[in-house]
C-alpha atoms as a PDB file:
ATOM      1  CA  MET A   1       0.099   0.172  -0.036  1.00  0.00           C
ATOM      2  CA  ASN A   2       1.641   3.404  -1.076  1.00  0.00           C
ATOM      3  CA  ASP A   3       1.405   6.420   1.136  1.00  0.00           C
ATOM      4  CA  ALA A   4      -1.718   8.249  -0.310  1.00  0.00           C
ATOM      5  CA  ALA A   5      -3.790   5.093   0.202  1.00  0.00           C
ATOM      6  CA  ALA A   6      -2.711   5.168   3.728  1.00  0.00           C
ATOM      7  CA  THR A   7      -3.794   8.715   5.041  1.00  0.00           C
ATOM      8  CA  SER A   8      -6.024   9.240   2.630  1.00  0.00           C
ATOM      9  CA  PRO A   9      -9.497   9.412   4.484  1.00  0.00           C
ATOM     10  CA  GLN A  10     -12.526   6.416   4.178  1.00  0.00           C
ATOM     11  CA  SER A  11     -15.351   7.634   1.873  1.00  0.00           C
ATOM     12  CA  ARG A  12     -18.534   7.136   3.160  1.00  0.00           C
ATOM     13  CA  PHE A  13     -22.501   7.472   2.062  1.00  0.00           C
ATOM     14  CA  ASN A  14     -24.925   6.486   3.949  1.00  0.00           C
ATOM     15  CA  LEU A  15     -28.784   6.664   4.571  1.00  0.00           C
ATOM     16  CA  HIS A  16     -29.915   7.119   8.037  1.00  0.00           C
ATOM     17  CA  GLN A  17     -33.722   8.208   7.858  1.00  0.00           C
ATOM     18  CA  VAL A  18     -36.534   8.408   5.521  1.00  0.00           C
ATOM     19  CA  TYR A  19     -39.271  10.672   6.305  1.00  0.00           C
ATOM     20  CA  THR A  20     -42.473  12.680   4.515  1.00  0.00           C
ATOM     21  CA  LYS A  21     -41.265  16.784   5.781  1.00  0.00           C
ATOM     22  CA  ASP A  22     -44.690  18.402   4.439  1.00  0.00           C
ATOM     23  CA  LEU A  23     -47.555  17.122   2.422  1.00  0.00           C
ATOM     24  CA  SER A  24     -50.746  18.418   1.234  1.00  0.00           C
ATOM     25  CA  PHE A  25     -53.793  17.082  -0.976  1.00  0.00           C
ATOM     26  CA  GLU A  26     -56.264  19.550  -2.258  1.00  0.00           C
ATOM     27  CA  SER A  27     -59.701  18.036  -4.267  1.00  0.00           C
ATOM     28  CA  PRO A  28     -61.087  21.568  -4.650  1.00  0.00           C
ATOM     29  CA  GLN A  29     -63.336  20.146  -7.561  1.00  0.00           C
ATOM     30  CA  SER A  30     -65.175  17.101  -5.517  1.00  0.00           C
ATOM     31  CA  PRO A  31     -67.310  15.593  -5.202  1.00  0.00           C
ATOM     32  CA  ALA A  32     -68.363  17.169  -8.510  1.00  0.00           C
ATOM     33  CA  VAL A  33     -65.307  15.235 -10.265  1.00  0.00           C
ATOM     34  CA  PHE A  34     -66.209  12.173  -9.586  1.00  0.00           C
ATOM     35  CA  THR A  35     -69.757  13.142 -11.350  1.00  0.00           C
ATOM     36  CA  TRP A  36     -67.840  14.307 -14.997  1.00  0.00           C
ATOM     37  CA  LYS A  37     -68.997  12.190 -17.762  1.00  0.00           C
ATOM     38  CA  GLU A  38     -65.099  13.016 -19.201  1.00  0.00           C
ATOM     39  CA  TYR A  39     -62.169  12.958 -16.729  1.00  0.00           C
ATOM     40  CA  ARG A  40     -58.658  13.504 -19.421  1.00  0.00           C
ATOM     41  CA  PRO A  41     -56.966  16.511 -16.955  1.00  0.00           C
ATOM     42  CA  ASP A  42     -53.478  17.679 -18.224  1.00  0.00           C
ATOM     43  CA  THR A  43     -50.788  17.457 -15.102  1.00  0.00           C
ATOM     44  CA  GLU A  44     -48.127  19.966 -14.034  1.00  0.00           C
ATOM     45  CA  VAL A  45     -45.038  18.219 -12.089  1.00  0.00           C
ATOM     46  CA  ASP A  46     -42.341  21.054 -10.709  1.00  0.00           C
ATOM     47  CA  LEU A  47     -39.415  18.887  -8.512  1.00  0.00           C
ATOM     48  CA  LYS A  48     -36.407  20.433  -6.569  1.00  0.00           C
ATOM     49  CA  ALA A  49     -33.873  19.028  -4.582  1.00  0.00           C
ATOM     50  CA  GLN A  50     -32.621  20.825  -1.768  1.00  0.00           C
ATOM     51  CA  GLN A  51     -29.216  19.839   0.748  1.00  0.00           C
ATOM     52  CA  ASN A  52     -29.015  21.248   3.523  1.00  0.00           C
ATOM     53  CA  LEU A  53     -26.197  21.154   6.403  1.00  0.00           C
ATOM     54  CA  LEU A  54     -27.311  19.936   9.001  1.00  0.00           C
ATOM     55  CA  ASP A  55     -24.334  18.482  11.682  1.00  0.00           C
ATOM     56  CA  ALA A  56     -20.895  19.243  10.162  1.00  0.00           C
ATOM     57  CA  ASP A  57     -18.478  17.288  12.877  1.00  0.00           C
ATOM     58  CA  LYS A  58     -20.815  13.970  11.819  1.00  0.00           C
ATOM     59  CA  HIS A  59     -20.394  15.333   7.739  1.00  0.00           C
ATOM     60  CA  LEU A  60     -24.747  14.638   8.044  1.00  0.00           C
ATOM     61  CA  TYR A  61     -26.935  16.641   5.753  1.00  0.00           C
ATOM     62  CA  GLU A  62     -30.556  16.168   5.182  1.00  0.00           C
ATOM     63  CA  VAL A  63     -31.747  16.211   1.025  1.00  0.00           C
ATOM     64  CA  VAL A  64     -35.885  16.906   0.579  1.00  0.00           C
ATOM     65  CA  LEU A  65     -36.865  15.859  -2.788  1.00  0.00           C
ATOM     66  CA  THR A  66     -40.009  18.702  -3.262  1.00  0.00           C
ATOM     67  CA  VAL A  67     -42.439  18.355  -5.761  1.00  0.00           C
ATOM     68  CA  THR A  68     -46.190  20.547  -6.785  1.00  0.00           C
ATOM     69  CA  VAL A  69     -48.340  18.494  -9.348  1.00  0.00           C
ATOM     70  CA  THR A  70     -51.859  20.428 -10.550  1.00  0.00           C
ATOM     71  CA  ALA A  71     -53.939  18.577 -11.963  1.00  0.00           C
ATOM     72  CA  LYS A  72     -56.144  20.828 -14.638  1.00  0.00           C
ATOM     73  CA  GLN A  73     -59.323  20.032 -16.893  1.00  0.00           C
ATOM     74  CA  ALA A  74     -60.556  23.154 -18.780  1.00  0.00           C
ATOM     75  CA  ASP A  75     -58.401  25.604 -16.423  1.00  0.00           C
ATOM     76  CA  GLU A  76     -59.910  23.687 -13.107  1.00  0.00           C
ATOM     77  CA  VAL A  77     -57.817  22.131 -10.397  1.00  0.00           C
ATOM     78  CA  VAL A  78     -59.162  18.860 -10.424  1.00  0.00           C
ATOM     79  CA  PHE A  79     -56.269  18.096  -7.896  1.00  0.00           C
ATOM     80  CA  LEU A  80     -53.436  19.667  -6.303  1.00  0.00           C
ATOM     81  CA  VAL A  81     -50.370  17.392  -4.211  1.00  0.00           C
ATOM     82  CA  GLU A  82     -47.580  18.894  -2.514  1.00  0.00           C
ATOM     83  CA  ALA A  83     -44.906  16.887  -1.074  1.00  0.00           C
ATOM     84  CA  GLN A  84     -41.740  17.039   0.720  1.00  0.00           C
ATOM     85  CA  GLN A  85     -39.502  13.550   1.001  1.00  0.00           C
ATOM     86  CA  GLY A  86     -36.454  13.901   3.421  1.00  0.00           C
ATOM     87  CA  GLY A  87     -33.417  11.632   4.619  1.00  0.00           C
ATOM     88  CA  VAL A  88     -30.477  12.333   6.180  1.00  0.00           C
ATOM     89  CA  PHE A  89     -27.722  10.946   4.818  1.00  0.00           C
ATOM     90  CA  THR A  90     -24.145  10.315   6.058  1.00  0.00           C
ATOM     91  CA  VAL A  91     -21.503  11.981   3.454  1.00  0.00           C
ATOM     92  CA  GLU A  92     -17.967  11.420   4.799  1.00  0.00           C
ATOM     93  CA  GLY A  93     -14.656  11.663   3.043  1.00  0.00           C
ATOM     94  CA  SER A  94     -15.336  12.882  -0.826  1.00  0.00           C
ATOM     95  CA  THR A  95     -14.195  15.852  -2.831  1.00  0.00           C
ATOM     96  CA  PRO A  96     -16.137  18.821  -2.511  1.00  0.00           C
ATOM     97  CA  GLU A  97     -17.055  18.504  -6.570  1.00  0.00           C
ATOM     98  CA  MET A  98     -17.847  14.591  -5.924  1.00  0.00           C
ATOM     99  CA  LEU A  99     -19.713  15.909  -2.249  1.00  0.00           C
ATOM    100  CA  GLU A 100     -21.967  18.049  -4.820  1.00  0.00           C
ATOM    101  CA  MET A 101     -22.722  15.058  -6.972  1.00  0.00           C
ATOM    102  CA  LEU A 102     -23.430  13.096  -4.292  1.00  0.00           C
ATOM    103  CA  LEU A 103     -25.763  15.532  -3.165  1.00  0.00           C
ATOM    104  CA  GLU A 104     -27.581  16.650  -5.883  1.00  0.00           C
ATOM    105  CA  ALA A 105     -27.595  12.969  -8.051  1.00  0.00           C
ATOM    106  CA  ALA A 106     -27.657  10.015  -5.393  1.00  0.00           C
ATOM    107  CA  CYS A 107     -29.228  11.262  -3.108  1.00  0.00           C
ATOM    108  CA  PRO A 108     -32.368  12.219  -4.807  1.00  0.00           C
ATOM    109  CA  THR A 109     -32.647   9.311  -6.959  1.00  0.00           C
ATOM    110  CA  VAL A 110     -32.500   6.973  -3.188  1.00  0.00           C
ATOM    111  CA  LEU A 111     -34.925   9.084  -2.384  1.00  0.00           C
ATOM    112  CA  TYR A 112     -37.106   9.301  -5.510  1.00  0.00           C
ATOM    113  CA  PRO A 113     -38.780   6.237  -5.147  1.00  0.00           C
ATOM    114  CA  TYR A 114     -39.839   6.932  -1.405  1.00  0.00           C
ATOM    115  CA  LEU A 115     -41.622  10.017  -3.028  1.00  0.00           C
ATOM    116  CA  ARG A 116     -43.150   8.728  -5.640  1.00  0.00           C
ATOM    117  CA  GLU A 117     -44.766   6.064  -3.615  1.00  0.00           C
ATOM    118  CA  THR A 118     -46.762   8.964  -1.677  1.00  0.00           C
ATOM    119  CA  VAL A 119     -47.937  10.765  -4.222  1.00  0.00           C
ATOM    120  CA  SER A 120     -49.657   7.409  -6.019  1.00  0.00           C
ATOM    121  CA  GLY A 121     -50.620   6.488  -2.357  1.00  0.00           C
ATOM    122  CA  LEU A 122     -52.238  10.639  -1.853  1.00  0.00           C
ATOM    123  CA  THR A 123     -53.774  10.915  -5.612  1.00  0.00           C
ATOM    124  CA  ALA A 124     -55.661   7.067  -5.150  1.00  0.00           C
ATOM    125  CA  LYS A 125     -56.512   8.109  -1.337  1.00  0.00           C
ATOM    126  CA  GLY A 126     -57.612  11.725  -2.957  1.00  0.00           C
ATOM    127  CA  GLY A 127     -60.355   9.186  -4.848  1.00  0.00           C
ATOM    128  CA  PHE A 128     -58.471   9.606  -8.211  1.00  0.00           C
ATOM    129  CA  PRO A 129     -56.398   6.498 -10.469  1.00  0.00           C
ATOM    130  CA  GLN A 130     -52.679   6.939  -9.125  1.00  0.00           C
ATOM    131  CA  PHE A 131     -50.634   9.520 -10.659  1.00  0.00           C
ATOM    132  CA  LEU A 132     -47.331   7.675 -10.764  1.00  0.00           C
ATOM    133  CA  LEU A 133     -44.354  10.447 -11.364  1.00  0.00           C
ATOM    134  CA  GLY A 134     -42.728   9.452 -14.435  1.00  0.00           C
ATOM    135  CA  PRO A 135     -38.750   8.370 -14.511  1.00  0.00           C
ATOM    136  CA  VAL A 136     -36.384  11.296 -13.414  1.00  0.00           C
ATOM    137  CA  ASN A 137     -32.128  10.665 -14.207  1.00  0.00           C
ATOM    138  CA  PHE A 138     -30.940  13.281 -11.317  1.00  0.00           C
ATOM    139  CA  ASP A 139     -27.229  12.007 -12.534  1.00  0.00           C
ATOM    140  CA  ALA A 140     -28.333  13.815 -16.103  1.00  0.00           C
ATOM    141  CA  MET A 141     -29.828  16.489 -13.881  1.00  0.00           C
ATOM    142  CA  TYR A 142     -26.463  17.457 -12.548  1.00  0.00           C
ATOM    143  CA  LEU A 143     -24.675  17.293 -15.840  1.00  0.00           C
ATOM    144  CA  GLN A 144     -27.550  19.430 -17.096  1.00  0.00           C
ATOM    145  CA  LYS A 145     -26.967  22.310 -14.111  1.00  0.00           C
ATOM    146  CA  LYS A 146     -22.383  20.886 -14.382  1.00  0.00           C
ATOM    147  CA  ASN A 147     -22.539  22.226 -17.790  1.00  0.00           C
ATOM    148  CA  GLN A 148     -24.654  25.462 -17.936  1.00  0.00           C
ATOM    149  CA  GLU A 149     -22.109  26.640 -15.078  1.00  0.00           C
ATOM    150  CA  SER A 150     -19.610  26.234 -16.845  1.00  0.00           C
ATOM    151  CA  GLU A 151     -21.339  27.581 -20.224  1.00  0.00           C
ATOM    152  CA  GLN A 152     -21.985  31.120 -17.916  1.00  0.00           C
ATOM    153  CA  ALA A 153     -18.625  30.878 -17.165  1.00  0.00           C
ATOM    154  CA  THR A 154     -17.426  31.170 -19.905  1.00  0.00           C
ATOM    155  CA  ASN A 155     -19.493  33.582 -21.463  1.00  0.00           C
ATOM    156  CA  GLY A 156     -19.367  35.791 -19.016  1.00  0.00           C
ATOM    157  CA  ALA A 157     -15.686  35.533 -18.241  1.00  0.00           C
END
């Protein structure tokens, strides 16, 4: 073993907790919506991720995925789901670039199935067909963000 390997810190990535941080369901057209002859709403999905340092000494981070799903038919809101799925992670022994990638891509990838299940169950409990969030490639989203930042830095210089 060389000296660099002996002195480099051990890399750790652990999930400690998954939780629902905030949850809201609205169905302003109920119960009338259940009598509509045609039910074909258009849906809009807004998804965001954010990270918060919880404990620097323990390398604990909170990552929260926030989704807003709005279903409309003829400009009438059929249902509105707002959900925040959180997780507590240990991320230790990585470069700043790797830390950023783990917090913005790997952690959201871990949380997304939980968020998807939460939204699906909530819409079903509201009396509607399950709404399944489509697949999301958080790695590609992260790379796209980094490319845009790089282009902005190049154009701004």
